[in-house]
Amino acid sequence: MSEAERIERDDHVVLGKLTSPYGIKGWLKVYSHTSPMDGILDYAEWVLRQGDSLSRRRLLQGRQHGKGLVALLEGIDSREAAERVAGAEILLPKSELPELADDEFYWHQLEGLTVVTRDGVVLGRVGYLFETGANDVMVVRGDPQGEPPALDDRERLLPFLPDEVIVEVDLAGGIMTVDWDPSF
């Protein structure tokens, strides 16, 4: 594992990505994973990751543009400079994320949790989450050879619906209990 991968996994979370230059003065288009989308602009300094290379850049300006975002970063003052950082992921130290209420979670906290039904059937681990129009969805990957072993090797899509599907989340124990029929 590279140093950049270790830093992201252990200490940082991916907030978005610089996609392409915008104009000739160093502005970049930004794809944001935050909700709301422009929440990424609340962070004054970004860590940019390109391959194994990490660099810190201060956010000088940022705004909504059409259906997306554009940003100007310190030290990037031409289209050519913007082209050199296009494609970089935007990381943030986890320690800088806002505190959440006890019943709220960041997606990165849920990834890797063991998913167990109320009856104790292990469905697998949360691989990742994604948004849909109605609700967020968890991708749960089964692994009968895993620890603990899952029921099967199926990949299940479970709606992230607290108090309906999600019964309990125990971050310290690494377990999420769900109200879900294992045959689905």
Protein backbone atom coordinates (compact mmCIF):
# COMPACT_ATOMS: atom_id res chain seq x y z
CA MET A 1 0.00 0.00 0.00
CA SER A 2 1.38 3.39 -0.95
CA GLU A 3 1.81 6.24 1.52
CA ALA A 4 -0.97 8.20 -0.22
CA GLU A 5 -3.39 5.26 0.11
CA ARG A 6 -2.48 4.81 3.79
CA ILE A 7 -3.00 8.49 4.53
CA GLU A 8 -6.44 8.47 2.95
CA ARG A 9 -7.59 5.28 4.64
CA ASP A 10 -6.26 6.01 8.10
CA ASP A 11 -6.44 9.77 8.51
CA HIS A 12 -8.35 11.29 5.60
CA VAL A 13 -11.62 11.02 3.74
CA VAL A 14 -12.16 11.74 0.03
CA LEU A 15 -14.39 14.81 -0.34
CA GLY A 16 -14.33 15.09 -4.12
CA LYS A 17 -12.21 15.47 -7.20
CA LEU A 18 -10.78 18.21 -9.40
CA THR A 19 -12.13 17.27 -12.81
CA SER A 20 -10.89 19.77 -15.41
CA PRO A 21 -9.69 23.34 -15.92
CA TYR A 22 -12.30 26.08 -16.12
CA GLY A 23 -11.17 29.15 -18.04
CA ILE A 24 -7.61 30.47 -18.34
CA LYS A 25 -6.88 31.84 -14.85
CA GLY A 26 -6.37 28.57 -12.93
CA TRP A 27 -9.96 27.80 -11.94
CA LEU A 28 -10.95 24.13 -11.81
CA LYS A 29 -14.24 22.26 -12.01
CA VAL A 30 -14.92 20.31 -8.83
CA TYR A 31 -16.92 17.13 -8.33
CA SER A 32 -18.08 17.02 -4.70
CA HIS A 33 -19.11 14.03 -2.60
CA THR A 34 -20.41 16.28 0.18
CA SER A 35 -24.05 16.89 0.95
CA PRO A 36 -24.96 19.58 0.21
CA MET A 37 -22.69 19.68 -2.82
CA ASP A 38 -21.16 23.07 -1.96
CA GLY A 39 -20.23 21.88 1.55
CA ILE A 40 -16.78 21.09 0.16
CA LEU A 41 -16.20 24.85 -0.14
CA ASP A 42 -16.46 25.20 3.66
CA TYR A 43 -12.96 23.75 4.08
CA ALA A 44 -10.18 26.30 3.75
CA GLU A 45 -7.40 23.83 2.93
CA TRP A 46 -7.53 20.72 0.75
CA VAL A 47 -5.08 17.86 0.48
CA LEU A 48 -4.74 16.88 -3.18
CA ARG A 49 -3.74 13.33 -4.11
CA GLN A 50 -2.40 12.49 -7.56
CA GLY A 51 -1.12 8.94 -7.63
CA ASP A 52 1.36 8.69 -4.75
CA SER A 53 1.84 12.45 -4.55
CA LEU A 54 0.15 14.57 -1.87
CA SER A 55 0.06 18.36 -1.69
CA ARG A 56 -1.80 20.93 0.39
CA ARG A 57 -3.60 23.81 -1.28
CA ARG A 58 -5.51 26.68 0.28
CA LEU A 59 -8.93 27.33 -1.24
CA LEU A 60 -8.90 30.97 -2.38
CA GLN A 61 -12.37 31.10 -3.94
CA GLY A 62 -15.14 28.69 -4.80
CA ARG A 63 -18.68 28.95 -6.08
CA GLN A 64 -21.51 27.14 -7.78
CA HIS A 65 -21.41 27.30 -11.54
CA GLY A 66 -24.36 25.82 -13.40
CA LYS A 67 -25.04 22.41 -11.88
CA GLY A 68 -21.50 22.07 -10.56
CA LEU A 69 -18.77 23.86 -8.65
CA VAL A 70 -15.61 25.71 -9.61
CA ALA A 71 -12.68 26.59 -7.34
CA LEU A 72 -9.47 28.59 -7.38
CA LEU A 73 -6.59 27.17 -5.32
CA GLU A 74 -3.44 28.82 -4.04
CA GLY A 75 -0.51 28.43 -6.45
CA ILE A 76 -2.67 27.52 -9.44
CA ASP A 77 -2.96 30.68 -11.52
CA SER A 78 -3.03 29.50 -15.14
CA ARG A 79 -4.84 26.98 -17.29
CA GLU A 80 -1.61 25.00 -17.63
CA ALA A 81 -1.22 24.77 -13.84
CA ALA A 82 -4.87 23.71 -13.56
CA GLU A 83 -4.30 21.01 -16.18
CA ARG A 84 -1.46 19.59 -14.06
CA VAL A 85 -3.75 19.04 -11.02
CA ALA A 86 -6.89 18.02 -12.94
CA GLY A 87 -7.90 14.54 -11.86
CA ALA A 88 -6.56 14.96 -8.31
CA GLU A 89 -8.71 13.69 -5.46
CA ILE A 90 -9.57 16.17 -2.71
CA LEU A 91 -8.88 14.77 0.76
CA LEU A 92 -9.69 16.16 4.19
CA PRO A 93 -8.32 15.04 7.56
CA LYS A 94 -11.09 13.13 9.34
CA SER A 95 -10.36 15.22 12.43
CA GLU A 96 -11.70 18.30 10.59
CA LEU A 97 -15.11 16.82 9.86
CA PRO A 98 -17.96 18.34 11.88
CA GLU A 99 -19.24 16.39 14.89
CA LEU A 100 -22.46 14.50 14.22
CA ALA A 101 -25.39 13.64 16.48
CA ASP A 102 -25.33 10.19 18.09
CA ASP A 103 -27.70 8.76 15.48
CA GLU A 104 -25.81 10.16 12.46
CA PHE A 105 -22.86 8.64 10.64
CA TYR A 106 -20.40 9.48 7.91
CA TRP A 107 -20.33 6.89 5.14
CA HIS A 108 -16.66 6.14 5.75
CA GLN A 109 -17.58 5.06 9.30
CA LEU A 110 -20.05 2.47 7.98
CA GLU A 111 -17.80 0.97 5.32
CA GLY A 112 -16.35 -2.32 6.54
CA LEU A 113 -18.94 -2.93 9.27
CA THR A 114 -20.22 -6.52 9.57
CA VAL A 115 -23.92 -6.64 8.70
CA VAL A 116 -26.00 -9.06 10.79
CA THR A 117 -29.75 -9.70 10.77
CA ARG A 118 -31.84 -9.55 13.98
CA ASP A 119 -31.65 -13.37 13.98
CA GLY A 120 -27.83 -13.32 13.92
CA VAL A 121 -27.34 -14.25 10.24
CA VAL A 122 -24.16 -12.62 8.89
CA LEU A 123 -24.87 -11.08 5.47
CA GLY A 124 -21.36 -9.70 4.91
CA ARG A 125 -19.62 -6.34 5.18
CA VAL A 126 -20.61 -2.89 3.99
CA GLY A 127 -18.53 -2.29 0.86
CA TYR A 128 -19.76 1.20 0.06
CA LEU A 129 -22.86 3.38 -0.06
CA PHE A 130 -24.45 5.40 -2.83
CA GLU A 131 -27.29 7.88 -3.22
CA THR A 132 -30.51 7.29 -5.06
CA GLY A 133 -33.45 9.62 -5.42
CA ALA A 134 -35.39 7.97 -2.60
CA ASN A 135 -32.74 6.99 -0.04
CA ASP A 136 -29.12 5.98 0.39
CA VAL A 137 -28.23 2.37 -0.43
CA MET A 138 -25.60 0.11 1.17
CA VAL A 139 -23.75 -2.49 -0.86
CA VAL A 140 -23.22 -5.49 1.44
CA ARG A 141 -20.72 -8.05 0.18
CA GLY A 142 -20.94 -11.60 1.46
CA ASP A 143 -17.84 -13.72 2.03
CA PRO A 144 -18.33 -17.25 3.42
CA GLN A 145 -14.55 -17.40 4.03
CA GLY A 146 -14.54 -14.06 5.90
CA GLU A 147 -14.36 -13.45 9.62
CA PRO A 148 -17.06 -13.90 10.68
CA PRO A 149 -18.17 -16.06 7.76
CA ALA A 150 -21.14 -14.70 5.81
CA LEU A 151 -24.18 -16.76 4.83
CA ASP A 152 -23.13 -16.74 1.17
CA ASP A 153 -21.06 -14.80 -1.38
CA ARG A 154 -23.93 -12.63 -2.64
CA GLU A 155 -23.82 -8.89 -2.98
CA ARG A 156 -26.95 -7.32 -1.49
CA LEU A 157 -28.31 -3.80 -1.86
CA LEU A 158 -29.94 -2.66 1.38
CA PRO A 159 -31.70 0.67 1.77
CA PHE A 160 -30.11 2.79 4.50
CA LEU A 161 -33.32 3.47 6.40
CA PRO A 162 -32.74 3.99 10.14
CA ASP A 163 -35.53 2.59 12.34
CA GLU A 164 -36.86 0.55 9.38
CA VAL A 165 -34.00 -1.53 7.96
CA ILE A 166 -31.11 -0.32 10.14
CA VAL A 167 -31.82 -1.48 13.68
CA GLU A 168 -28.51 -0.60 15.36
CA VAL A 169 -25.05 0.62 14.43
CA ASP A 170 -22.24 -0.30 16.81
CA LEU A 171 -19.16 1.47 15.48
CA ALA A 172 -16.95 0.34 18.38
CA GLY A 173 -17.98 -3.29 17.87
CA GLY A 174 -17.87 -3.06 14.08
CA ILE A 175 -21.42 -4.41 13.69
CA MET A 176 -24.59 -3.16 12.04
CA THR A 177 -27.81 -5.00 12.89
CA VAL A 178 -30.51 -4.95 10.21
CA ASP A 179 -34.10 -6.03 9.83
CA TRP A 180 -33.65 -7.88 6.53
CA ASP A 181 -34.66 -11.24 5.09
CA PRO A 182 -31.44 -13.07 4.10
CA SER A 183 -33.18 -14.54 1.03
CA PHE A 184 -33.41 -11.05 -0.54
